[in-house]
Amino acid sequence: MAFIVAYPMSKTNLSYQGVAAFCAMSLLLIACEQQPNPAEPNADEALKARLEAAASKRTKRASMSFGFIHKLDGIPDGGPVALELGDGTKVEVQQAYLVVSAIEAHLCEPGAGDTPTQNAPQGADLGAPAKPGIPKLLGHLSDWLIAPAYAHVPSSATRLGTPFVEDLLAPGQARIIDEIAPPMATYCTLYAVVAPADDDVVNLTNLATAEIEGKTLLLRGRYRLAADDEAEWQAFESASEARDIIQVDAVDPQTGASPLNLDSANASRMMLLDKRVSPDLFEGLAREDFDGAAAADQVLKRLEARFKIYQYERK
């Protein structure tokens, strides 16, 4: 303080130097605040690192698309199916609709090698007690489909639980319903589930959904009694409410090989549930069968035995 009081000029010089020092210190502090610490990554880099780490831990999967197709054999596109019964009654089946509630892919069992599993009989009754060697799927689907009568089968990585309606007399063309992402593996068997439709079934047909609700197979048409060509045609409706599981060999649609190998993350297959629709599905039926469920039940059983995976033509 004595120095400042005794020499005013020196005081002035000191004040100037203080201001200069203060400004220099301020600039240094600002520069330090503007430069990020290289040791700390920014938010974008940290987020990117977390996403990459999570992606590396995900299970790699293939893809499998499910849909349907059919072939009309001896039936014109759009129908009808013209029949003459044993008693001479003439029948025309003008509409035929099928409901598939779920499709599930099953891995080959340990020790099965390249032989497709043969555990479940075709057309297995969902209400029947499980037998030794029958996949647990039978019991689970029985609970899902029977307890609430029209409940959906839950979807999963190996199961498409989207129910859909197929017009069996429409011109045969492929329709894709949806896709699943199963684990990379070898699949020996597919199981198709037929069950009554509910009110939100995927319906791409001209039939109103309310008309197929509660039904698995619906047949409609007309018949005329024998020995009376001038008699009026009488309308009929036959509906099945069956709930069945149908076993289908898992065949590669591109090569025809079985079992189906999906052993890479890029492996993809389009699996179409194929069936042949022909007049012999109705063979042996009596006129009274068309006035109740008998005709539809019989046709459904025969149709289930024809389920297979569509194979693309190879050059």
Protein backbone atom coordinates (compact mmCIF):
# COMPACT_ATOMS: atom_id res chain seq x y z
CA MET A 1 0.00 0.00 0.00
CA ALA A 2 2.89 2.41 0.80
CA PHE A 3 4.26 1.93 -2.67
CA ILE A 4 0.93 2.78 -4.27
CA VAL A 5 0.41 5.92 -2.16
CA ALA A 6 3.94 7.29 -2.56
CA TYR A 7 4.04 6.83 -6.33
CA PRO A 8 0.70 7.59 -8.04
CA MET A 9 2.14 6.99 -11.52
CA SER A 10 3.16 3.51 -10.49
CA LYS A 11 -0.39 2.96 -9.20
CA THR A 12 -1.72 3.87 -12.61
CA ASN A 13 0.66 1.48 -14.31
CA LEU A 14 -0.30 -1.31 -11.91
CA SER A 15 -4.02 -0.81 -12.63
CA TYR A 16 -3.38 -1.12 -16.35
CA GLN A 17 -1.40 -4.29 -15.84
CA GLY A 18 -4.17 -5.71 -13.60
CA VAL A 19 -6.80 -5.10 -16.24
CA ALA A 20 -4.65 -6.75 -18.88
CA ALA A 21 -4.07 -9.74 -16.63
CA PHE A 22 -7.79 -10.01 -15.89
CA CYS A 23 -8.65 -9.97 -19.62
CA ALA A 24 -6.05 -12.60 -20.39
CA MET A 25 -7.39 -14.84 -17.62
CA SER A 26 -10.97 -14.41 -18.90
CA LEU A 27 -10.00 -15.40 -22.44
CA LEU A 28 -8.21 -18.46 -21.10
CA LEU A 29 -11.26 -19.53 -19.09
CA ILE A 30 -13.57 -19.09 -22.11
CA ALA A 31 -11.26 -21.14 -24.29
CA CYS A 32 -11.15 -23.89 -21.70
CA GLU A 33 -14.96 -24.00 -21.53
CA GLN A 34 -15.33 -24.26 -25.33
CA GLN A 35 -12.95 -27.21 -25.76
CA PRO A 36 -14.51 -30.61 -24.71
CA ASN A 37 -12.45 -33.01 -22.72
CA PRO A 38 -11.14 -35.56 -25.22
CA ALA A 39 -11.29 -38.21 -22.51
CA GLU A 40 -15.13 -37.99 -22.35
CA PRO A 41 -17.11 -39.17 -25.46
CA ASN A 42 -20.05 -37.03 -26.56
CA ALA A 43 -23.68 -38.20 -26.24
CA ASP A 44 -23.98 -39.38 -29.87
CA GLU A 45 -20.91 -41.57 -29.63
CA ALA A 46 -22.07 -43.07 -26.34
CA LEU A 47 -25.53 -43.86 -27.77
CA LYS A 48 -23.98 -45.42 -30.87
CA ALA A 49 -21.76 -47.61 -28.72
CA ARG A 50 -24.72 -48.80 -26.63
CA LEU A 51 -26.79 -49.65 -29.72
CA GLU A 52 -23.93 -51.56 -31.33
CA ALA A 53 -23.38 -53.53 -28.13
CA ALA A 54 -27.09 -54.40 -27.89
CA ALA A 55 -27.24 -55.45 -31.56
CA SER A 56 -24.27 -57.78 -31.13
CA LYS A 57 -26.12 -59.63 -28.35
CA ARG A 58 -29.32 -60.24 -30.37
CA THR A 59 -30.08 -63.76 -31.54
CA LYS A 60 -29.58 -64.05 -35.28
CA ARG A 61 -32.68 -65.32 -37.04
CA ALA A 62 -33.88 -66.38 -40.46
CA SER A 63 -37.28 -65.51 -41.97
CA MET A 64 -40.26 -67.61 -43.02
CA SER A 65 -43.35 -66.26 -44.78
CA PHE A 66 -46.65 -68.15 -44.50
CA GLY A 67 -49.55 -68.12 -46.92
CA PHE A 68 -51.83 -70.40 -48.90
CA ILE A 69 -52.58 -71.69 -52.38
CA HIS A 70 -54.73 -74.45 -53.89
CA LYS A 71 -55.25 -76.24 -57.18
CA LEU A 72 -58.67 -76.81 -58.73
CA ASP A 73 -58.81 -80.26 -60.32
CA GLY A 74 -61.90 -81.00 -62.40
CA ILE A 75 -63.64 -77.86 -61.13
CA PRO A 76 -64.03 -74.59 -63.10
CA ASP A 77 -62.62 -71.41 -61.59
CA GLY A 78 -65.23 -70.07 -59.20
CA GLY A 79 -67.18 -73.35 -59.20
CA PRO A 80 -69.61 -74.92 -58.92
CA VAL A 81 -68.67 -78.47 -58.02
CA ALA A 82 -71.25 -80.52 -59.96
CA LEU A 83 -72.14 -83.85 -58.31
CA GLU A 84 -74.59 -86.68 -58.79
CA LEU A 85 -75.21 -88.68 -55.63
CA GLY A 86 -75.89 -92.39 -55.36
CA ASP A 87 -79.64 -91.88 -55.37
CA GLY A 88 -79.49 -89.67 -58.45
CA THR A 89 -79.76 -86.38 -56.56
CA LYS A 90 -77.95 -83.59 -58.38
CA VAL A 91 -75.84 -81.29 -56.22
CA GLU A 92 -74.01 -78.06 -56.98
CA VAL A 93 -71.52 -76.83 -54.38
CA GLN A 94 -71.30 -73.12 -55.14
CA GLN A 95 -69.24 -71.89 -52.18
CA ALA A 96 -66.52 -73.49 -50.06
CA TYR A 97 -64.53 -71.59 -47.43
CA LEU A 98 -61.79 -72.86 -45.11
CA VAL A 99 -60.39 -71.24 -41.96
CA VAL A 100 -56.78 -71.85 -40.88
CA SER A 101 -56.06 -70.41 -37.44
CA ALA A 102 -52.31 -70.94 -37.07
CA ILE A 103 -49.19 -72.44 -38.63
CA GLU A 104 -46.19 -73.45 -36.55
CA ALA A 105 -42.70 -74.65 -37.54
CA HIS A 106 -41.07 -77.36 -35.40
CA LEU A 107 -37.37 -78.14 -35.08
CA CYS A 108 -36.13 -81.61 -35.87
CA GLU A 109 -35.99 -83.69 -32.71
CA PRO A 110 -32.56 -84.67 -31.35
CA GLY A 111 -31.39 -87.79 -33.12
CA ALA A 112 -33.93 -87.42 -35.89
CA GLY A 113 -31.19 -86.71 -38.42
CA ASP A 114 -32.64 -85.92 -41.82
CA THR A 115 -35.86 -87.83 -41.20
CA PRO A 116 -38.96 -85.66 -40.69
CA THR A 117 -40.72 -86.27 -37.40
CA GLN A 118 -43.89 -88.35 -37.50
CA ASN A 119 -45.31 -87.61 -34.08
CA ALA A 120 -48.78 -86.26 -34.70
CA PRO A 121 -51.32 -87.95 -36.95
CA GLN A 122 -52.90 -85.87 -39.67
CA GLY A 123 -56.15 -84.36 -38.53
CA ALA A 124 -55.35 -84.89 -34.85
CA ASP A 125 -58.35 -83.98 -32.69
CA LEU A 126 -57.51 -81.06 -30.41
CA GLY A 127 -59.85 -82.44 -27.77
CA ALA A 128 -58.15 -85.84 -27.62
CA PRO A 129 -55.78 -86.61 -24.72
CA ALA A 130 -52.11 -86.26 -25.51
CA LYS A 131 -50.23 -89.46 -26.30
CA PRO A 132 -46.58 -90.28 -25.63
CA GLY A 133 -44.37 -88.65 -28.24
CA ILE A 134 -47.01 -86.12 -29.32
CA PRO A 135 -45.53 -82.58 -29.24
CA LYS A 136 -46.62 -80.33 -26.40
CA LEU A 137 -48.15 -78.11 -29.08
CA LEU A 138 -51.24 -80.33 -29.08
CA GLY A 139 -51.98 -79.71 -25.43
CA HIS A 140 -51.24 -76.00 -25.60
CA LEU A 141 -53.34 -75.39 -28.68
CA SER A 142 -56.14 -77.41 -27.16
CA ASP A 143 -56.20 -75.00 -24.22
CA TRP A 144 -56.07 -71.93 -26.45
CA LEU A 145 -58.68 -73.03 -28.98
CA ILE A 146 -61.23 -74.82 -26.84
CA ALA A 147 -61.38 -72.87 -23.58
CA PRO A 148 -62.43 -69.64 -25.28
CA ALA A 149 -63.91 -71.22 -28.39
CA TYR A 150 -62.62 -68.75 -30.92
CA ALA A 151 -59.49 -67.38 -29.23
CA HIS A 152 -56.44 -66.67 -31.35
CA VAL A 153 -53.41 -68.88 -31.04
CA PRO A 154 -50.62 -66.56 -29.81
CA SER A 155 -47.89 -65.82 -32.32
CA SER A 156 -44.23 -66.45 -31.56
CA ALA A 157 -40.86 -66.70 -33.30
CA THR A 158 -41.90 -70.05 -34.80
CA ARG A 159 -45.68 -69.65 -34.94
CA LEU A 160 -47.97 -67.51 -37.07
CA GLY A 161 -51.15 -67.06 -35.04
CA THR A 162 -53.07 -65.00 -37.60
CA PRO A 163 -56.29 -66.80 -38.66
CA PHE A 164 -57.35 -66.45 -42.28
CA VAL A 165 -60.16 -67.49 -44.65
CA GLU A 166 -59.48 -69.21 -47.98
CA ASP A 167 -62.00 -69.39 -50.82
CA LEU A 168 -61.48 -72.96 -52.03
CA LEU A 169 -63.33 -72.45 -55.32
CA ALA A 170 -61.54 -69.25 -56.34
CA PRO A 171 -58.84 -69.46 -59.02
CA GLY A 172 -55.72 -70.84 -57.38
CA GLN A 173 -53.25 -68.08 -56.60
CA ALA A 174 -50.69 -67.53 -53.88
CA ARG A 175 -51.61 -65.30 -50.95
CA ILE A 176 -49.14 -64.31 -48.24
CA ILE A 177 -50.54 -63.71 -44.76
CA ASP A 178 -47.53 -62.74 -42.64
CA GLU A 179 -43.93 -63.53 -41.73
CA ILE A 180 -42.11 -64.95 -38.70
CA ALA A 181 -38.42 -64.80 -37.76
CA PRO A 182 -37.50 -68.27 -36.45
CA PRO A 183 -34.09 -69.19 -35.03
CA MET A 184 -31.53 -70.42 -37.53
CA ALA A 185 -31.98 -74.20 -37.43
CA THR A 186 -33.28 -77.26 -39.25
CA TYR A 187 -37.06 -77.75 -39.31
CA CYS A 188 -38.69 -81.14 -39.87
CA THR A 189 -42.38 -80.41 -39.41
CA LEU A 190 -45.06 -77.77 -39.78
CA TYR A 191 -48.37 -77.93 -37.93
CA ALA A 192 -51.43 -76.24 -39.40
CA VAL A 193 -54.36 -75.55 -37.09
CA VAL A 194 -57.92 -75.36 -38.42
CA ALA A 195 -60.54 -73.90 -36.07
CA PRO A 196 -63.69 -71.75 -36.15
CA ALA A 197 -63.21 -68.16 -37.28
CA ASP A 198 -63.62 -65.22 -34.93
CA ASP A 199 -64.74 -61.72 -35.82
CA ASP A 200 -61.28 -60.38 -36.73
CA VAL A 201 -60.12 -63.22 -38.96
CA VAL A 202 -58.14 -62.10 -42.03
CA ASN A 203 -60.82 -62.37 -44.71
CA LEU A 204 -59.75 -61.60 -48.28
CA THR A 205 -62.80 -63.28 -49.82
CA ASN A 206 -66.16 -61.94 -50.99
CA LEU A 207 -67.89 -63.62 -48.05
CA ALA A 208 -68.92 -61.37 -45.17
CA THR A 209 -66.90 -62.17 -42.05
CA ALA A 210 -70.08 -62.56 -40.00
CA GLU A 211 -71.10 -65.46 -42.26
CA ILE A 212 -67.94 -67.48 -41.53
CA GLU A 213 -67.66 -66.58 -37.83
CA GLY A 214 -67.87 -69.70 -35.66
CA LYS A 215 -67.22 -72.00 -38.63
CA THR A 216 -64.11 -73.89 -39.78
CA LEU A 217 -65.38 -75.08 -43.18
CA LEU A 218 -68.48 -73.68 -44.86
CA LEU A 219 -70.20 -75.28 -47.87
CA ARG A 220 -73.13 -73.68 -49.66
CA GLY A 221 -75.04 -74.64 -52.78
CA ARG A 222 -78.18 -76.32 -53.99
CA TYR A 223 -79.56 -79.76 -54.84
CA ARG A 224 -82.45 -81.22 -56.78
CA LEU A 225 -84.08 -84.55 -56.07
CA ALA A 226 -83.75 -87.41 -58.56
CA ALA A 227 -86.42 -88.32 -61.12
CA ASP A 228 -87.78 -84.80 -61.11
CA ASP A 229 -85.92 -82.55 -63.54
CA GLU A 230 -88.63 -79.93 -63.24
CA ALA A 231 -88.40 -79.71 -59.46
CA GLU A 232 -87.07 -76.51 -57.95
CA TRP A 233 -83.52 -76.41 -56.63
CA GLN A 234 -83.27 -76.39 -52.85
CA ALA A 235 -80.53 -74.39 -51.11
CA PHE A 236 -78.30 -76.00 -48.50
CA GLU A 237 -75.61 -74.96 -46.05
CA SER A 238 -73.25 -77.38 -44.33
CA ALA A 239 -70.76 -76.06 -41.77
CA SER A 240 -68.09 -77.76 -39.70
CA GLU A 241 -66.89 -76.43 -36.34
CA ALA A 242 -64.02 -78.91 -36.08
CA ARG A 243 -60.72 -78.02 -34.42
CA ASP A 244 -57.84 -80.05 -35.81
CA ILE A 245 -54.06 -80.00 -36.02
CA ILE A 246 -52.57 -81.22 -39.29
CA GLN A 247 -48.94 -82.32 -39.55
CA VAL A 248 -47.12 -81.35 -42.74
CA ASP A 249 -43.54 -82.22 -43.68
CA ALA A 250 -41.29 -79.15 -43.71
CA VAL A 251 -40.14 -79.20 -47.32
CA ASP A 252 -37.89 -76.59 -48.90
CA PRO A 253 -40.21 -75.02 -51.51
CA GLN A 254 -37.27 -74.15 -53.75
CA THR A 255 -35.47 -77.50 -53.82
CA GLY A 256 -38.02 -80.03 -52.58
CA ALA A 257 -35.54 -81.18 -49.92
CA SER A 258 -36.69 -82.22 -46.47
CA PRO A 259 -36.01 -81.26 -43.72
CA LEU A 260 -35.91 -77.52 -44.24
CA ASN A 261 -32.54 -75.93 -43.43
CA LEU A 262 -32.54 -72.29 -42.39
CA ASP A 263 -28.95 -72.06 -41.22
CA SER A 264 -28.04 -68.43 -41.90
CA ALA A 265 -29.38 -65.01 -40.97
CA ASN A 266 -30.14 -64.33 -44.64
CA ALA A 267 -32.08 -67.57 -45.17
CA SER A 268 -35.67 -66.89 -46.23
CA ARG A 269 -38.46 -69.18 -47.44
CA MET A 270 -42.03 -68.62 -48.60
CA MET A 271 -44.13 -71.48 -47.19
CA LEU A 272 -47.50 -71.82 -48.91
CA LEU A 273 -50.02 -74.28 -47.49
CA ASP A 274 -51.11 -76.13 -50.63
CA LYS A 275 -54.09 -78.42 -51.26
CA ARG A 276 -55.91 -80.02 -54.21
CA VAL A 277 -59.64 -79.33 -54.48
CA SER A 278 -61.53 -81.87 -56.60
CA PRO A 279 -65.00 -83.46 -56.83
CA ASP A 280 -63.83 -86.65 -55.09
CA LEU A 281 -63.72 -84.72 -51.81
CA PHE A 282 -67.51 -85.16 -51.84
CA GLU A 283 -67.54 -88.82 -52.84
CA GLY A 284 -70.00 -91.07 -50.98
CA LEU A 285 -72.05 -88.29 -49.41
CA ALA A 286 -75.82 -88.58 -49.14
CA ARG A 287 -78.35 -85.81 -49.73
CA GLU A 288 -79.17 -85.47 -46.03
CA ASP A 289 -75.48 -84.88 -45.27
CA PHE A 290 -75.71 -81.49 -46.98
CA ASP A 291 -78.49 -80.34 -44.67
CA GLY A 292 -76.28 -80.61 -41.59
CA ALA A 293 -72.63 -80.65 -40.55
CA ALA A 294 -71.89 -84.15 -41.92
CA ALA A 295 -70.92 -83.05 -45.44
CA ALA A 296 -68.58 -80.29 -44.23
CA ASP A 297 -67.02 -82.53 -41.56
CA GLN A 298 -66.29 -85.26 -44.12
CA VAL A 299 -64.89 -82.87 -46.73
CA LEU A 300 -62.69 -81.19 -44.11
CA LYS A 301 -61.12 -84.50 -43.03
CA ARG A 302 -60.35 -85.41 -46.64
CA LEU A 303 -58.97 -81.95 -47.36
CA GLU A 304 -56.68 -82.05 -44.32
CA ALA A 305 -55.08 -85.23 -45.67
CA ARG A 306 -54.04 -83.25 -48.77
CA PHE A 307 -52.24 -80.43 -46.96
CA LYS A 308 -48.65 -79.99 -48.13
CA ILE A 309 -46.08 -77.27 -48.75
CA TYR A 310 -46.21 -75.86 -52.26
CA GLN A 311 -43.08 -76.51 -54.32
CA TYR A 312 -42.07 -74.03 -56.97
CA GLU A 313 -41.38 -75.33 -60.45
CA ARG A 314 -37.67 -75.69 -61.09
CA LYS A 315 -36.10 -75.25 -64.51
